[in-house]
Amino acid sequence: MSPRFVPMGAALAALVLLATGCSQGHADLDAWIAQERQQAVPKVTPLKQPTVYTPLAYSQASAPDPFSQERLTRVLRTETTRNTGASLIARELERRKEPLEAFPLDVMSMVGTLDGGGKKVALVRVDRLLYQVRVGEHLGQHYGLVTAISDNEVTLREVVQDATGDWIERAATLQLQQQEKKNG
């Protein structure tokens, strides 16, 4: 026999032995399974009795008056505060967005100013492009309105949400970025 056929012959012999072992009866295995089924007792934990609901009596004397002046004043004060925040964002959502509102303030840098007809114009660099920014224009992703331009900074008024979800105004600035001259 060639050495190539020896492993194949051994595999065939093992397959034949395995097939003959499987064909014999499983009487002992079947008896053991039947015995285990008889001995197995399911354990069922009894359910607790449901608690009885006892409704509480409603007493108008102890409840606060829903039409009291104090309560009405408190609610109106809260609504007035919320409407102010809602009106802040409503004005911003009604207007058309400007190109520099697509970028966060972090990627903008003020590189200088120009004096255009007595009014300052800031030069702002974003992605290697220079933009001229005037008072009244918008910058950044938080509805930033340019309120003032000086030689060293651009002052903004942003509208953001605070921790409670109310819209509030906050001040922000864009500082002049001075570049160091390279010698060489």
N, C-alpha and C. Protein backbone atom coordinates (compact mmCIF):
# COMPACT_ATOMS: atom_id res chain seq x y z
N MET A 1 0.84 -1.18 0.00
CA MET A 1 0.00 0.00 0.00
C MET A 1 0.87 1.23 0.00
N SER A 2 0.41 2.21 -0.70
CA SER A 2 1.21 3.43 -0.73
C SER A 2 0.94 4.24 0.55
N PRO A 3 1.89 5.08 0.97
CA PRO A 3 1.70 5.85 2.19
C PRO A 3 0.54 6.82 2.09
N ARG A 4 0.15 7.15 0.89
CA ARG A 4 -0.95 8.10 0.71
C ARG A 4 -2.30 7.48 1.09
N PHE A 5 -2.45 6.16 0.90
CA PHE A 5 -3.71 5.50 1.18
C PHE A 5 -3.83 5.02 2.62
N VAL A 6 -2.76 5.02 3.40
CA VAL A 6 -2.80 4.56 4.78
C VAL A 6 -3.71 5.47 5.62
N PRO A 7 -3.55 6.81 5.62
CA PRO A 7 -4.45 7.63 6.43
C PRO A 7 -5.89 7.51 5.99
N MET A 8 -6.12 7.30 4.69
CA MET A 8 -7.49 7.19 4.23
C MET A 8 -8.11 5.88 4.70
N GLY A 9 -7.32 4.80 4.72
CA GLY A 9 -7.80 3.51 5.20
C GLY A 9 -8.11 3.58 6.69
N ALA A 10 -7.26 4.27 7.46
CA ALA A 10 -7.48 4.40 8.89
C ALA A 10 -8.75 5.20 9.15
N ALA A 11 -8.97 6.21 8.37
CA ALA A 11 -10.17 7.03 8.54
C ALA A 11 -11.42 6.21 8.22
N LEU A 12 -11.35 5.34 7.20
CA LEU A 12 -12.49 4.50 6.85
C LEU A 12 -12.77 3.49 7.95
N ALA A 13 -11.72 2.94 8.54
CA ALA A 13 -11.91 1.95 9.62
C ALA A 13 -12.56 2.62 10.83
N ALA A 14 -12.11 3.82 11.16
CA ALA A 14 -12.70 4.54 12.29
C ALA A 14 -14.16 4.85 12.03
N LEU A 15 -14.50 5.20 10.81
CA LEU A 15 -15.88 5.52 10.44
C LEU A 15 -16.77 4.29 10.57
N VAL A 16 -16.25 3.12 10.18
CA VAL A 16 -17.03 1.88 10.27
C VAL A 16 -17.27 1.52 11.75
N LEU A 17 -16.23 1.67 12.59
CA LEU A 17 -16.39 1.37 14.02
C LEU A 17 -17.40 2.32 14.66
N LEU A 18 -17.34 3.57 14.29
CA LEU A 18 -18.27 4.55 14.83
C LEU A 18 -19.71 4.24 14.42
N ALA A 19 -19.90 3.83 13.19
CA ALA A 19 -21.24 3.51 12.71
C ALA A 19 -21.79 2.27 13.42
N THR A 20 -20.96 1.28 13.70
CA THR A 20 -21.45 0.09 14.39
C THR A 20 -21.76 0.38 15.85
N GLY A 21 -21.00 1.31 16.46
CA GLY A 21 -21.27 1.69 17.85
C GLY A 21 -22.60 2.43 17.97
N CYS A 22 -22.94 3.21 16.99
CA CYS A 22 -24.18 3.98 17.03
C CYS A 22 -25.40 3.11 16.75
N SER A 23 -25.18 2.00 16.06
CA SER A 23 -26.34 1.19 15.68
C SER A 23 -26.82 0.31 16.83
N GLN A 24 -26.00 0.09 17.86
CA GLN A 24 -26.43 -0.73 18.99
C GLN A 24 -27.49 0.00 19.79
N GLY A 25 -28.24 -0.71 20.57
CA GLY A 25 -29.33 -0.12 21.33
C GLY A 25 -28.86 0.78 22.46
N HIS A 26 -29.70 1.67 22.85
CA HIS A 26 -29.42 2.62 23.92
C HIS A 26 -30.35 2.35 25.09
N ALA A 27 -30.54 1.13 25.41
CA ALA A 27 -31.48 0.76 26.46
C ALA A 27 -31.05 1.32 27.80
N ASP A 28 -29.74 1.26 28.10
CA ASP A 28 -29.28 1.76 29.39
C ASP A 28 -29.44 3.28 29.47
N LEU A 29 -29.18 3.96 28.37
CA LEU A 29 -29.34 5.42 28.35
C LEU A 29 -30.81 5.81 28.49
N ASP A 30 -31.69 5.09 27.80
CA ASP A 30 -33.13 5.38 27.90
C ASP A 30 -33.64 5.13 29.30
N ALA A 31 -33.14 4.10 29.98
CA ALA A 31 -33.58 3.80 31.35
C ALA A 31 -33.13 4.90 32.31
N TRP A 32 -31.90 5.37 32.12
CA TRP A 32 -31.39 6.44 33.00
C TRP A 32 -32.20 7.73 32.83
N ILE A 33 -32.55 8.08 31.59
CA ILE A 33 -33.35 9.29 31.33
C ILE A 33 -34.73 9.17 31.98
N ALA A 34 -35.36 8.00 31.89
CA ALA A 34 -36.68 7.79 32.49
C ALA A 34 -36.61 7.90 34.01
N GLN A 35 -35.53 7.36 34.61
CA GLN A 35 -35.38 7.43 36.06
C GLN A 35 -35.19 8.88 36.52
N GLU A 36 -34.38 9.66 35.81
CA GLU A 36 -34.14 11.06 36.16
C GLU A 36 -35.42 11.90 36.03
N ARG A 37 -36.21 11.61 35.05
CA ARG A 37 -37.48 12.34 34.88
C ARG A 37 -38.43 12.09 36.05
N GLN A 38 -38.45 10.85 36.55
CA GLN A 38 -39.34 10.54 37.68
C GLN A 38 -38.86 11.21 38.96
N GLN A 39 -37.56 11.33 39.14
CA GLN A 39 -37.02 11.91 40.37
C GLN A 39 -37.07 13.44 40.36
N ALA A 40 -37.10 14.03 39.19
CA ALA A 40 -37.11 15.51 39.10
C ALA A 40 -38.46 16.05 39.53
N VAL A 41 -38.43 16.90 40.56
CA VAL A 41 -39.66 17.51 41.06
C VAL A 41 -39.54 19.01 40.83
N PRO A 42 -40.45 19.59 40.10
CA PRO A 42 -40.35 21.04 39.86
C PRO A 42 -40.59 21.83 41.14
N LYS A 43 -39.80 22.88 41.32
CA LYS A 43 -39.95 23.74 42.50
C LYS A 43 -40.65 25.02 42.07
N VAL A 44 -41.83 25.22 42.61
CA VAL A 44 -42.61 26.41 42.28
C VAL A 44 -42.72 27.26 43.53
N THR A 45 -42.24 28.49 43.45
CA THR A 45 -42.32 29.39 44.58
C THR A 45 -43.72 30.00 44.59
N PRO A 46 -44.43 29.94 45.72
CA PRO A 46 -45.78 30.50 45.75
C PRO A 46 -45.73 32.03 45.63
N LEU A 47 -46.71 32.58 44.95
CA LEU A 47 -46.82 34.03 44.77
C LEU A 47 -47.33 34.69 46.04
N LYS A 48 -46.87 35.91 46.27
CA LYS A 48 -47.37 36.68 47.42
C LYS A 48 -48.76 37.20 47.11
N GLN A 49 -49.53 37.38 48.16
CA GLN A 49 -50.87 37.94 47.98
C GLN A 49 -50.74 39.41 47.57
N PRO A 50 -51.55 39.86 46.64
CA PRO A 50 -51.46 41.26 46.23
C PRO A 50 -51.89 42.19 47.37
N THR A 51 -51.25 43.35 47.42
CA THR A 51 -51.61 44.33 48.46
C THR A 51 -52.94 44.98 48.09
N VAL A 52 -53.67 45.27 49.10
CA VAL A 52 -54.99 45.87 48.91
C VAL A 52 -54.81 47.38 48.79
N TYR A 53 -55.39 47.98 47.76
CA TYR A 53 -55.31 49.42 47.55
C TYR A 53 -56.33 50.12 48.44
N THR A 54 -55.83 51.08 49.19
CA THR A 54 -56.74 51.88 50.03
C THR A 54 -56.65 53.32 49.55
N PRO A 55 -57.68 53.84 48.96
CA PRO A 55 -57.65 55.21 48.46
C PRO A 55 -57.60 56.22 49.60
N LEU A 56 -56.90 57.33 49.34
CA LEU A 56 -56.81 58.39 50.34
C LEU A 56 -57.99 59.35 50.18
N ALA A 57 -58.44 59.83 51.27
CA ALA A 57 -59.55 60.79 51.23
C ALA A 57 -59.02 62.15 50.82
N TYR A 58 -59.72 62.84 49.91
CA TYR A 58 -59.32 64.15 49.45
C TYR A 58 -60.03 65.21 50.29
N SER A 59 -59.20 66.10 50.84
CA SER A 59 -59.75 67.15 51.67
C SER A 59 -59.39 68.50 51.04
N GLN A 60 -60.39 69.26 50.66
CA GLN A 60 -60.13 70.55 50.03
C GLN A 60 -59.55 71.55 51.01
N ALA A 61 -59.79 71.38 52.26
CA ALA A 61 -59.32 72.35 53.24
C ALA A 61 -57.79 72.37 53.32
N SER A 62 -57.15 71.21 53.16
CA SER A 62 -55.70 71.16 53.27
C SER A 62 -54.99 71.45 51.95
N ALA A 63 -55.70 71.44 50.83
CA ALA A 63 -55.09 71.67 49.52
C ALA A 63 -54.94 73.17 49.26
N PRO A 64 -53.89 73.57 48.52
CA PRO A 64 -53.75 74.99 48.19
C PRO A 64 -54.82 75.44 47.20
N ASP A 65 -55.18 76.69 47.29
CA ASP A 65 -56.19 77.25 46.40
C ASP A 65 -55.59 77.47 45.01
N PRO A 66 -56.14 76.83 43.98
CA PRO A 66 -55.55 76.97 42.65
C PRO A 66 -55.74 78.38 42.05
N PHE A 67 -56.63 79.17 42.62
CA PHE A 67 -56.90 80.50 42.08
C PHE A 67 -56.36 81.62 42.97
N SER A 68 -55.42 81.31 43.85
CA SER A 68 -54.89 82.34 44.74
C SER A 68 -54.02 83.32 43.97
N GLN A 69 -53.97 84.56 44.42
CA GLN A 69 -53.18 85.61 43.77
C GLN A 69 -51.69 85.27 43.80
N GLU A 70 -51.23 84.73 44.91
CA GLU A 70 -49.81 84.39 45.04
C GLU A 70 -49.39 83.35 44.00
N ARG A 71 -50.20 82.34 43.85
CA ARG A 71 -49.90 81.29 42.88
C ARG A 71 -49.96 81.84 41.45
N LEU A 72 -50.93 82.65 41.14
CA LEU A 72 -51.05 83.24 39.82
C LEU A 72 -49.86 84.14 39.50
N THR A 73 -49.42 84.91 40.47
CA THR A 73 -48.27 85.79 40.28
C THR A 73 -47.00 84.98 40.02
N ARG A 74 -46.82 83.91 40.75
CA ARG A 74 -45.64 83.05 40.57
C ARG A 74 -45.63 82.42 39.18
N VAL A 75 -46.76 81.96 38.71
CA VAL A 75 -46.84 81.34 37.38
C VAL A 75 -46.59 82.38 36.30
N LEU A 76 -47.17 83.56 36.44
CA LEU A 76 -46.96 84.61 35.44
C LEU A 76 -45.50 85.05 35.39
N ARG A 77 -44.84 85.12 36.53
CA ARG A 77 -43.43 85.50 36.57
C ARG A 77 -42.59 84.45 35.84
N THR A 78 -42.89 83.19 36.04
CA THR A 78 -42.17 82.11 35.36
C THR A 78 -42.40 82.17 33.86
N GLU A 79 -43.65 82.38 33.45
CA GLU A 79 -43.96 82.45 32.02
C GLU A 79 -43.28 83.64 31.35
N THR A 80 -43.20 84.77 32.04
CA THR A 80 -42.55 85.95 31.48
C THR A 80 -41.08 85.67 31.25
N THR A 81 -40.43 85.00 32.18
CA THR A 81 -39.02 84.67 32.02
C THR A 81 -38.81 83.72 30.85
N ARG A 82 -39.66 82.75 30.72
CA ARG A 82 -39.53 81.80 29.62
C ARG A 82 -39.81 82.46 28.28
N ASN A 83 -40.77 83.35 28.22
CA ASN A 83 -41.07 84.02 26.95
C ASN A 83 -39.91 84.87 26.49
N THR A 84 -39.17 85.49 27.42
CA THR A 84 -38.01 86.28 27.04
C THR A 84 -36.99 85.39 26.35
N GLY A 85 -36.72 84.22 26.92
CA GLY A 85 -35.78 83.29 26.31
C GLY A 85 -36.28 82.80 24.97
N ALA A 86 -37.57 82.53 24.88
CA ALA A 86 -38.15 82.06 23.62
C ALA A 86 -38.10 83.15 22.57
N SER A 87 -38.28 84.39 22.98
CA SER A 87 -38.23 85.47 22.00
C SER A 87 -36.80 85.70 21.50
N LEU A 88 -35.81 85.42 22.36
CA LEU A 88 -34.41 85.55 21.91
C LEU A 88 -34.12 84.60 20.76
N ILE A 89 -34.50 83.36 20.93
CA ILE A 89 -34.21 82.38 19.89
C ILE A 89 -35.14 82.54 18.69
N ALA A 90 -36.36 83.01 18.93
CA ALA A 90 -37.31 83.17 17.82
C ALA A 90 -36.79 84.20 16.82
N ARG A 91 -36.22 85.30 17.32
CA ARG A 91 -35.67 86.32 16.42
C ARG A 91 -34.54 85.73 15.58
N GLU A 92 -33.72 84.89 16.21
CA GLU A 92 -32.57 84.32 15.49
C GLU A 92 -33.02 83.29 14.44
N LEU A 93 -34.07 82.56 14.75
CA LEU A 93 -34.53 81.53 13.81
C LEU A 93 -35.27 82.12 12.62
N GLU A 94 -35.81 83.34 12.76
CA GLU A 94 -36.57 83.96 11.67
C GLU A 94 -35.67 84.55 10.58
N ARG A 95 -34.45 84.90 10.90
CA ARG A 95 -33.58 85.56 9.93
C ARG A 95 -32.78 84.54 9.13
N ARG A 96 -32.24 84.97 8.01
CA ARG A 96 -31.43 84.13 7.15
C ARG A 96 -30.02 84.03 7.73
N LYS A 97 -29.45 82.84 7.71
CA LYS A 97 -28.10 82.63 8.25
C LYS A 97 -27.06 83.27 7.33
N GLU A 98 -25.99 83.76 7.95
CA GLU A 98 -24.88 84.36 7.21
C GLU A 98 -23.77 83.33 7.05
N PRO A 99 -22.88 83.51 6.07
CA PRO A 99 -21.86 82.49 5.77
C PRO A 99 -20.95 82.13 6.95
N LEU A 100 -20.56 83.10 7.77
CA LEU A 100 -19.64 82.82 8.86
C LEU A 100 -20.31 82.14 10.05
N GLU A 101 -21.61 81.90 9.99
CA GLU A 101 -22.29 81.17 11.05
C GLU A 101 -22.14 79.67 10.89
N ALA A 102 -21.53 79.24 9.81
CA ALA A 102 -21.30 77.82 9.59
C ALA A 102 -20.08 77.32 10.36
N PHE A 103 -19.26 78.24 10.88
CA PHE A 103 -18.01 77.88 11.56
C PHE A 103 -18.09 78.23 13.04
N PRO A 104 -17.50 77.40 13.91
CA PRO A 104 -17.43 77.77 15.33
C PRO A 104 -16.38 78.87 15.53
N LEU A 105 -16.49 79.61 16.62
CA LEU A 105 -15.54 80.69 16.90
C LEU A 105 -14.13 80.16 17.09
N ASP A 106 -13.99 78.90 17.49
CA ASP A 106 -12.66 78.33 17.73
C ASP A 106 -11.80 78.30 16.49
N VAL A 107 -12.39 78.17 15.31
CA VAL A 107 -11.60 78.08 14.08
C VAL A 107 -11.40 79.44 13.43
N MET A 108 -11.96 80.50 14.01
CA MET A 108 -11.81 81.86 13.47
C MET A 108 -10.69 82.57 14.21
N SER A 109 -10.01 83.45 13.48
CA SER A 109 -9.01 84.29 14.13
C SER A 109 -9.07 85.68 13.52
N MET A 110 -9.05 86.67 14.41
CA MET A 110 -9.03 88.07 13.96
C MET A 110 -7.58 88.40 13.63
N VAL A 111 -7.34 88.90 12.41
CA VAL A 111 -5.97 89.18 11.99
C VAL A 111 -5.71 90.67 11.79
N GLY A 112 -6.76 91.49 11.91
CA GLY A 112 -6.55 92.93 11.76
C GLY A 112 -7.85 93.68 11.59
N THR A 113 -7.70 95.01 11.38
CA THR A 113 -8.87 95.86 11.16
C THR A 113 -8.60 96.80 10.01
N LEU A 114 -9.66 97.29 9.43
CA LEU A 114 -9.61 98.33 8.40
C LEU A 114 -10.50 99.46 8.86
N ASP A 115 -10.21 100.66 8.40
CA ASP A 115 -11.05 101.80 8.72
C ASP A 115 -11.78 102.17 7.44
N GLY A 116 -13.05 101.77 7.35
CA GLY A 116 -13.83 102.01 6.14
C GLY A 116 -14.84 103.11 6.34
N GLY A 117 -14.51 104.34 5.97
CA GLY A 117 -15.45 105.45 6.07
C GLY A 117 -15.80 105.80 7.50
N GLY A 118 -14.84 105.74 8.42
CA GLY A 118 -15.10 106.08 9.81
C GLY A 118 -15.64 104.92 10.62
N LYS A 119 -15.92 103.79 10.00
CA LYS A 119 -16.40 102.61 10.72
C LYS A 119 -15.36 101.52 10.60
N LYS A 120 -15.10 100.86 11.71
CA LYS A 120 -14.10 99.78 11.72
C LYS A 120 -14.67 98.52 11.09
N VAL A 121 -13.80 97.86 10.36
CA VAL A 121 -14.11 96.57 9.75
C VAL A 121 -13.05 95.59 10.22
N ALA A 122 -13.47 94.47 10.78
CA ALA A 122 -12.53 93.46 11.25
C ALA A 122 -12.21 92.49 10.14
N LEU A 123 -10.96 92.06 10.10
CA LEU A 123 -10.54 91.03 9.15
C LEU A 123 -10.44 89.72 9.92
N VAL A 124 -11.25 88.75 9.52
CA VAL A 124 -11.33 87.46 10.21
C VAL A 124 -10.92 86.38 9.23
N ARG A 125 -9.99 85.51 9.69
CA ARG A 125 -9.52 84.42 8.85
C ARG A 125 -10.19 83.12 9.28
N VAL A 126 -10.75 82.40 8.28
CA VAL A 126 -11.35 81.09 8.48
C VAL A 126 -10.91 80.22 7.32
N ASP A 127 -10.27 79.09 7.61
CA ASP A 127 -9.81 78.15 6.58
C ASP A 127 -9.01 78.85 5.48
N ARG A 128 -8.03 79.63 5.85
CA ARG A 128 -7.11 80.33 4.93
C ARG A 128 -7.79 81.38 4.06
N LEU A 129 -9.02 81.75 4.39
CA LEU A 129 -9.73 82.82 3.66
C LEU A 129 -9.95 83.99 4.61
N LEU A 130 -9.88 85.21 4.09
CA LEU A 130 -10.13 86.41 4.87
C LEU A 130 -11.52 86.93 4.60
N TYR A 131 -12.21 87.30 5.66
CA TYR A 131 -13.56 87.87 5.55
C TYR A 131 -13.56 89.24 6.23
N GLN A 132 -14.34 90.16 5.67
CA GLN A 132 -14.55 91.46 6.30
C GLN A 132 -15.82 91.36 7.13
N VAL A 133 -15.72 91.75 8.41
CA VAL A 133 -16.85 91.64 9.33
C VAL A 133 -17.16 93.03 9.88
N ARG A 134 -18.45 93.39 9.85
CA ARG A 134 -18.89 94.69 10.34
C ARG A 134 -19.82 94.51 11.54
N VAL A 135 -20.03 95.58 12.28
CA VAL A 135 -20.97 95.57 13.40
C VAL A 135 -22.36 95.27 12.84
N GLY A 136 -23.08 94.36 13.50
CA GLY A 136 -24.42 93.98 13.06
C GLY A 136 -24.44 92.67 12.29
N GLU A 137 -23.27 92.17 11.88
CA GLU A 137 -23.22 90.88 11.19
C GLU A 137 -23.11 89.77 12.23
N HIS A 138 -23.27 88.53 11.77
CA HIS A 138 -23.28 87.38 12.68
C HIS A 138 -22.08 86.48 12.43
N LEU A 139 -21.55 85.92 13.53
CA LEU A 139 -20.40 85.00 13.49
C LEU A 139 -20.68 83.81 14.40
N GLY A 140 -20.13 82.66 14.07
CA GLY A 140 -20.17 81.51 14.97
C GLY A 140 -21.48 80.76 14.94
N GLN A 141 -21.46 79.63 15.62
CA GLN A 141 -22.61 78.73 15.60
C GLN A 141 -23.60 78.96 16.73
N HIS A 142 -23.37 80.00 17.53
CA HIS A 142 -24.29 80.30 18.64
C HIS A 142 -24.98 81.64 18.41
N TYR A 143 -25.36 81.91 17.19
CA TYR A 143 -26.10 83.13 16.84
C TYR A 143 -25.36 84.38 17.32
N GLY A 144 -24.05 84.43 17.11
CA GLY A 144 -23.23 85.53 17.59
C GLY A 144 -23.42 86.79 16.76
N LEU A 145 -23.88 87.87 17.39
CA LEU A 145 -24.08 89.17 16.75
C LEU A 145 -22.90 90.07 17.11
N VAL A 146 -22.23 90.63 16.09
CA VAL A 146 -21.11 91.53 16.34
C VAL A 146 -21.66 92.85 16.87
N THR A 147 -21.25 93.19 18.11
CA THR A 147 -21.74 94.42 18.74
C THR A 147 -20.71 95.54 18.72
N ALA A 148 -19.43 95.19 18.67
CA ALA A 148 -18.38 96.22 18.65
C ALA A 148 -17.12 95.64 18.03
N ILE A 149 -16.36 96.54 17.39
CA ILE A 149 -15.07 96.17 16.82
C ILE A 149 -14.04 97.20 17.30
N SER A 150 -12.98 96.72 17.92
CA SER A 150 -11.88 97.61 18.33
C SER A 150 -10.62 97.15 17.60
N ASP A 151 -9.50 97.82 17.89
CA ASP A 151 -8.25 97.44 17.23
C ASP A 151 -7.79 96.05 17.65
N ASN A 152 -8.20 95.58 18.84
CA ASN A 152 -7.69 94.32 19.38
C ASN A 152 -8.70 93.18 19.46
N GLU A 153 -10.01 93.48 19.30
CA GLU A 153 -10.98 92.40 19.46
C GLU A 153 -12.31 92.73 18.79
N VAL A 154 -13.06 91.66 18.54
CA VAL A 154 -14.44 91.75 18.05
C VAL A 154 -15.31 91.26 19.20
N THR A 155 -16.29 92.07 19.62
CA THR A 155 -17.18 91.70 20.72
C THR A 155 -18.48 91.18 20.13
N LEU A 156 -18.96 90.05 20.69
CA LEU A 156 -20.17 89.39 20.19
C LEU A 156 -21.17 89.21 21.32
N ARG A 157 -22.44 89.13 20.93
CA ARG A 157 -23.52 88.73 21.83
C ARG A 157 -24.07 87.43 21.27
N GLU A 158 -23.91 86.32 22.05
CA GLU A 158 -24.39 85.02 21.61
C GLU A 158 -25.66 84.64 22.34
N VAL A 159 -26.46 83.79 21.72
CA VAL A 159 -27.68 83.26 22.34
C VAL A 159 -27.47 81.76 22.48
N VAL A 160 -27.43 81.30 23.76
CA VAL A 160 -27.16 79.89 24.05
C VAL A 160 -28.16 79.37 25.07
N GLN A 161 -28.24 78.06 25.19
CA GLN A 161 -29.10 77.43 26.19
C GLN A 161 -28.30 77.22 27.47
N ASP A 162 -28.91 77.55 28.61
CA ASP A 162 -28.25 77.30 29.88
C ASP A 162 -28.58 75.88 30.34
N ALA A 163 -28.16 75.54 31.55
CA ALA A 163 -28.34 74.17 32.06
C ALA A 163 -29.80 73.78 32.21
N THR A 164 -30.69 74.76 32.40
CA THR A 164 -32.11 74.45 32.57
C THR A 164 -32.86 74.39 31.25
N GLY A 165 -32.17 74.71 30.15
CA GLY A 165 -32.81 74.67 28.84
C GLY A 165 -33.36 76.00 28.38
N ASP A 166 -33.21 77.06 29.21
CA ASP A 166 -33.68 78.38 28.82
C ASP A 166 -32.63 79.05 27.94
N TRP A 167 -33.09 79.89 27.01
CA TRP A 167 -32.19 80.61 26.12
C TRP A 167 -31.76 81.90 26.80
N ILE A 168 -30.46 82.14 26.85
CA ILE A 168 -29.91 83.34 27.48
C ILE A 168 -28.88 83.98 26.56
N GLU A 169 -28.55 85.24 26.85
CA GLU A 169 -27.51 85.94 26.11
C GLU A 169 -26.21 85.84 26.88
N ARG A 170 -25.09 85.75 26.16
CA ARG A 170 -23.78 85.80 26.80
C ARG A 170 -22.82 86.55 25.89
N ALA A 171 -21.82 87.14 26.48
CA ALA A 171 -20.83 87.90 25.73
C ALA A 171 -19.68 86.99 25.31
N ALA A 172 -19.14 87.25 24.14
CA ALA A 172 -17.98 86.51 23.65
C ALA A 172 -17.10 87.49 22.90
N THR A 173 -15.82 87.15 22.80
CA THR A 173 -14.88 88.01 22.07
C THR A 173 -14.01 87.17 21.17
N LEU A 174 -13.56 87.79 20.12
CA LEU A 174 -12.61 87.20 19.19
C LEU A 174 -11.39 88.11 19.23
N GLN A 175 -10.29 87.62 19.82
CA GLN A 175 -9.10 88.42 20.06
C GLN A 175 -8.22 88.49 18.81
N LEU A 176 -7.47 89.59 18.69
CA LEU A 176 -6.52 89.77 17.62
C LEU A 176 -5.38 88.77 17.77
N GLN A 177 -5.07 88.04 16.70
CA GLN A 177 -3.99 87.05 16.71
C GLN A 177 -2.77 87.68 16.07
N GLN A 178 -1.72 87.85 16.84
CA GLN A 178 -0.50 88.44 16.30
C GLN A 178 0.44 87.34 15.91
N GLN A 179 0.98 87.44 14.70
CA GLN A 179 1.91 86.44 14.22
C GLN A 179 3.34 86.89 14.50
N GLU A 180 4.17 85.92 14.88
CA GLU A 180 5.57 86.21 15.09
C GLU A 180 6.28 86.22 13.74
N LYS A 181 7.18 87.18 13.54
CA LYS A 181 7.92 87.25 12.28
C LYS A 181 9.01 86.20 12.32
N LYS A 182 9.15 85.50 11.19
CA LYS A 182 10.17 84.46 11.08
C LYS A 182 11.45 85.10 10.54
N ASN A 183 12.54 84.84 11.19
CA ASN A 183 13.84 85.34 10.73
C ASN A 183 14.53 84.20 9.98
N GLY A 184 14.92 84.48 8.80
CA GLY A 184 15.64 83.41 8.11
C GLY A 184 15.41 83.47 6.72
